[in-house]
């Protein structure tokens, strides 16, 4: 009996530790001013954040400085879109003499809907469809309610784009990563790399000799430059 109690106690402690580890995402409003919780998704213009008290909020990129999600940092930066200045979140890939950021690639375009779910017991009596909820079924079940007539929304991945920045210049140079095999995209990537890190003669020669670029190769060039120009 005592062994079973100890085992149960250890299981509960492990569950608590696991929950604590999950809630390690951070929203930073300004240096030293931050909150912890769980980030549920981002569309790079806003982020959906569940606080420790289970309340769920949207933060626009213009509202916060940065957030940390699954160990990666996303910073808010102003960009000009159709002659309008907007704030977007950029995932930091490399930071140093040259900064490399990304948007898209591994995050769904539409963030999850901001709705709190309610979990209530459901008891079915007699024969029926056996579904959870208000219909008659057999035995007991659980109904998860998050709003009426909810259906899964089909969402697709946002194409990945890299952005390079030489701190102090105020310019973000765009490089399309998805579809990098296209000739025009390869030329665009080569042009940006040579403009940003072409002052390193050795790297410049390697960039000029490269015909096809992908995300790993771009990161390798920027990392090599930052290591050589600390």
Protein backbone atom coordinates (compact mmCIF):
# COMPACT_ATOMS: atom_id res chain seq x y z
CA UNK A 1 0.00 0.00 0.00
CA UNK A 2 2.78 2.43 0.97
CA UNK A 3 4.62 1.56 -2.25
CA UNK A 4 1.50 2.41 -4.27
CA UNK A 5 1.12 5.75 -2.47
CA UNK A 6 4.77 6.64 -3.10
CA UNK A 7 4.39 5.72 -6.77
CA UNK A 8 1.26 7.86 -7.06
CA UNK A 9 3.02 10.74 -5.32
CA UNK A 10 5.95 10.52 -7.74
CA UNK A 11 3.55 10.45 -10.69
CA UNK A 12 1.78 13.60 -9.46
CA UNK A 13 5.11 15.38 -8.95
CA UNK A 14 6.19 14.44 -12.47
CA UNK A 15 2.90 15.76 -13.86
CA UNK A 16 3.33 19.06 -12.00
CA UNK A 17 6.91 19.35 -13.22
CA UNK A 18 5.75 18.64 -16.77
CA UNK A 19 3.06 21.32 -16.59
CA UNK A 20 5.61 23.80 -15.22
CA UNK A 21 8.01 22.97 -18.04
CA UNK A 22 5.28 23.54 -20.65
CA UNK A 23 4.54 27.05 -19.40
CA UNK A 24 7.97 28.46 -20.15
CA UNK A 25 7.04 30.70 -23.07
CA UNK A 26 7.60 34.40 -22.41
CA UNK A 27 6.09 37.65 -23.65
CA UNK A 28 8.45 40.64 -23.23
CA UNK A 29 6.85 44.10 -23.20
CA UNK A 30 10.06 45.98 -22.35
CA UNK A 31 13.38 45.11 -20.68
CA UNK A 32 12.56 43.51 -17.32
CA UNK A 33 8.79 43.62 -17.97
CA UNK A 34 7.54 40.19 -19.04
CA UNK A 35 4.98 37.47 -18.35
CA UNK A 36 5.19 33.68 -18.55
CA UNK A 37 2.62 31.32 -19.98
CA UNK A 38 1.97 29.22 -23.06
CA UNK A 39 2.05 30.56 -26.61
CA UNK A 40 -0.59 28.88 -28.77
CA UNK A 41 0.29 30.31 -32.17
CA UNK A 42 1.28 33.30 -34.26
CA UNK A 43 0.56 34.70 -37.71
CA UNK A 44 3.62 36.98 -37.40
CA UNK A 45 1.38 40.02 -36.89
CA UNK A 46 -0.01 38.89 -33.54
CA UNK A 47 0.53 36.11 -31.03
CA UNK A 48 -2.01 34.07 -29.03
CA UNK A 49 -0.93 33.70 -25.41
CA UNK A 50 -2.43 31.67 -22.56
CA UNK A 51 -1.52 33.08 -19.16
CA UNK A 52 -0.92 30.96 -16.06
CA UNK A 53 -4.44 31.86 -14.87
CA UNK A 54 -5.78 30.20 -18.07
CA UNK A 55 -6.97 33.48 -19.61
CA UNK A 56 -6.14 33.76 -23.32
CA UNK A 57 -5.15 37.03 -24.99
CA UNK A 58 -3.96 38.35 -28.36
CA UNK A 59 -0.90 40.60 -28.46
CA UNK A 60 -0.18 42.55 -31.62
CA UNK A 61 3.40 42.91 -32.80
CA UNK A 62 3.11 46.63 -32.08
CA UNK A 63 2.21 45.89 -28.43
CA UNK A 64 5.25 43.90 -27.36
CA UNK A 65 9.01 43.82 -27.86
CA UNK A 66 9.54 40.10 -28.37
CA UNK A 67 8.43 36.64 -27.31
CA UNK A 68 10.19 33.35 -26.62
CA UNK A 69 8.42 30.26 -27.96
CA UNK A 70 9.82 26.72 -27.68
CA UNK A 71 13.25 28.20 -27.03
CA UNK A 72 13.25 30.44 -30.12
CA UNK A 73 13.06 34.25 -29.92
CA UNK A 74 10.75 36.31 -32.12
CA UNK A 75 11.37 40.06 -32.20
CA UNK A 76 8.95 42.79 -33.25
CA UNK A 77 10.28 45.04 -36.01
CA UNK A 78 8.69 47.73 -38.20
CA UNK A 79 8.41 47.00 -41.93
CA UNK A 80 6.91 48.97 -44.81
CA UNK A 81 4.07 47.16 -46.61
CA UNK A 82 2.28 49.00 -49.43
CA UNK A 83 3.76 52.29 -48.21
CA UNK A 84 2.44 51.66 -44.67
CA UNK A 85 4.64 50.95 -41.67
CA UNK A 86 3.54 47.79 -39.89
CA UNK A 87 5.06 45.72 -37.10
CA UNK A 88 5.82 42.04 -37.73
CA UNK A 89 7.41 39.28 -35.69
CA UNK A 90 10.70 37.92 -37.01
CA UNK A 91 12.24 34.69 -35.72
CA UNK A 92 15.93 35.16 -34.88
CA UNK A 93 18.12 32.65 -36.75
CA UNK A 94 21.53 34.33 -36.30
CA UNK A 95 22.49 37.38 -34.25
CA UNK A 96 25.76 39.23 -34.57
CA UNK A 97 27.55 41.50 -37.02
CA UNK A 98 24.83 40.35 -39.42
CA UNK A 99 21.37 39.45 -38.15
CA UNK A 100 19.38 36.76 -39.92
CA UNK A 101 15.64 36.37 -39.34
CA UNK A 102 12.88 34.24 -40.78
CA UNK A 103 9.13 34.46 -41.27
CA UNK A 104 7.03 31.39 -42.03
CA UNK A 105 8.15 27.88 -42.82
CA UNK A 106 7.09 26.11 -39.65
CA UNK A 107 4.15 28.06 -38.25
CA UNK A 108 0.54 27.98 -39.39
CA UNK A 109 -0.75 31.16 -41.00
CA UNK A 110 -3.88 31.44 -38.85
CA UNK A 111 -3.36 31.42 -35.06
CA UNK A 112 -5.78 29.36 -32.93
CA UNK A 113 -9.11 30.99 -32.11
CA UNK A 114 -9.17 32.75 -28.76
CA UNK A 115 -11.79 30.67 -27.01
CA UNK A 116 -11.63 28.95 -23.66
CA UNK A 117 -12.89 25.37 -23.68
CA UNK A 118 -15.28 24.01 -21.11
CA UNK A 119 -15.18 20.35 -20.18
CA UNK A 120 -18.38 18.87 -18.74
CA UNK A 121 -19.43 15.26 -18.03
CA UNK A 122 -22.04 13.72 -20.33
CA UNK A 123 -24.12 10.69 -19.38
CA UNK A 124 -25.90 8.73 -22.10
CA UNK A 125 -28.94 6.55 -21.35
CA UNK A 126 -30.18 3.68 -23.47
CA UNK A 127 -29.25 2.96 -27.07
CA UNK A 128 -28.28 5.66 -29.52
CA UNK A 129 -25.45 6.91 -31.69
CA UNK A 130 -22.87 6.65 -28.94
CA UNK A 131 -21.66 10.20 -29.57
CA UNK A 132 -20.35 12.58 -26.94
CA UNK A 133 -22.51 15.55 -26.07
CA UNK A 134 -26.24 16.03 -26.02
CA UNK A 135 -27.20 12.92 -28.02
CA UNK A 136 -28.18 9.70 -26.34
CA UNK A 137 -25.46 7.12 -26.08
CA UNK A 138 -24.22 4.32 -23.90
CA UNK A 139 -22.29 4.99 -20.70
CA UNK A 140 -20.57 8.23 -19.67
CA UNK A 141 -18.50 10.54 -21.78
CA UNK A 142 -16.90 14.00 -21.82
CA UNK A 143 -18.04 16.94 -23.88
CA UNK A 144 -15.52 19.65 -24.80
CA UNK A 145 -17.24 22.92 -25.62
CA UNK A 146 -15.45 25.82 -27.25
CA UNK A 147 -18.30 27.47 -29.10
CA UNK A 148 -21.19 26.48 -31.35
CA UNK A 149 -20.79 24.47 -34.53
CA UNK A 150 -17.02 24.42 -34.31
CA UNK A 151 -15.26 22.64 -37.14
CA UNK A 152 -11.54 22.27 -37.74
CA UNK A 153 -10.29 25.10 -39.94
CA UNK A 154 -7.98 24.08 -42.76
CA UNK A 155 -4.76 26.04 -42.38
CA UNK A 156 -1.65 25.94 -44.49
CA UNK A 157 1.97 26.70 -43.88
CA UNK A 158 3.30 30.15 -44.62
CA UNK A 159 6.14 30.14 -47.19
CA UNK A 160 9.52 30.66 -45.55
CA UNK A 161 11.36 33.93 -46.15
CA UNK A 162 14.70 35.00 -44.69
CA UNK A 163 15.64 38.59 -43.89
CA UNK A 164 19.17 39.89 -43.41
CA UNK A 165 20.08 43.01 -41.49
CA UNK A 166 23.31 44.80 -40.79
CA UNK A 167 22.59 46.53 -37.44
CA UNK A 168 22.61 50.28 -37.75
CA UNK A 169 21.59 50.38 -41.41
CA UNK A 170 17.85 50.13 -40.73
CA UNK A 171 17.36 47.87 -43.75
CA UNK A 172 15.88 44.37 -43.88
CA UNK A 173 16.95 42.56 -47.06
CA UNK A 174 14.47 39.88 -48.13
CA UNK A 175 15.42 36.44 -49.46
CA UNK A 176 12.80 33.84 -50.53
CA UNK A 177 13.75 30.44 -49.11
CA UNK A 178 10.82 28.28 -50.25
CA UNK A 179 11.29 27.78 -53.96
CA UNK A 180 14.95 28.74 -53.66
CA UNK A 181 15.69 26.42 -56.59
CA UNK A 182 14.10 28.90 -58.97
CA UNK A 183 16.68 30.88 -60.95
CA UNK A 184 15.26 34.28 -59.98
CA UNK A 185 15.20 33.34 -56.30
CA UNK A 186 18.77 32.06 -56.40
CA UNK A 187 19.88 35.30 -58.02
CA UNK A 188 18.05 37.34 -55.38
CA UNK A 189 19.69 35.36 -52.56
CA UNK A 190 23.13 35.71 -54.16
CA UNK A 191 22.65 39.48 -54.60
CA UNK A 192 21.63 39.99 -50.97
CA UNK A 193 24.45 37.83 -49.60
CA UNK A 194 27.06 39.65 -51.66
CA UNK A 195 25.68 43.03 -50.60
CA UNK A 196 25.59 42.15 -46.91
CA UNK A 197 28.66 39.94 -46.42
CA UNK A 198 30.55 40.37 -49.70
CA UNK A 199 33.25 42.41 -47.96
CA UNK A 200 34.66 39.05 -46.82
CA UNK A 201 36.69 38.07 -49.90
CA UNK A 202 36.76 34.34 -49.14
CA UNK A 203 33.01 34.11 -48.57
CA UNK A 204 32.31 36.33 -51.58
CA UNK A 205 34.12 33.87 -53.86
CA UNK A 206 32.17 30.94 -52.43
CA UNK A 207 28.85 32.80 -52.82
CA UNK A 208 29.65 33.69 -56.45
CA UNK A 209 30.50 30.04 -57.17
CA UNK A 210 27.23 28.76 -55.68
CA UNK A 211 24.37 28.07 -58.09
CA UNK A 212 21.64 26.79 -55.76
CA UNK A 213 20.93 28.10 -52.27
CA UNK A 214 18.80 26.65 -49.48
CA UNK A 215 18.15 27.68 -45.87
CA UNK A 216 21.04 25.62 -44.45
CA UNK A 217 23.53 27.17 -46.87
CA UNK A 218 22.33 30.72 -46.17
CA UNK A 219 22.65 30.13 -42.41
CA UNK A 220 26.13 28.64 -42.91
CA UNK A 221 27.32 31.73 -44.83
CA UNK A 222 25.96 34.14 -42.22
CA UNK A 223 27.32 32.08 -39.31
CA UNK A 224 30.77 31.95 -40.91
CA UNK A 225 30.71 35.71 -41.45
CA UNK A 226 29.69 36.44 -37.86
CA UNK A 227 32.38 34.13 -36.52
CA UNK A 228 35.05 35.88 -38.60
CA UNK A 229 33.84 39.42 -37.87
CA UNK A 230 33.06 39.51 -34.16
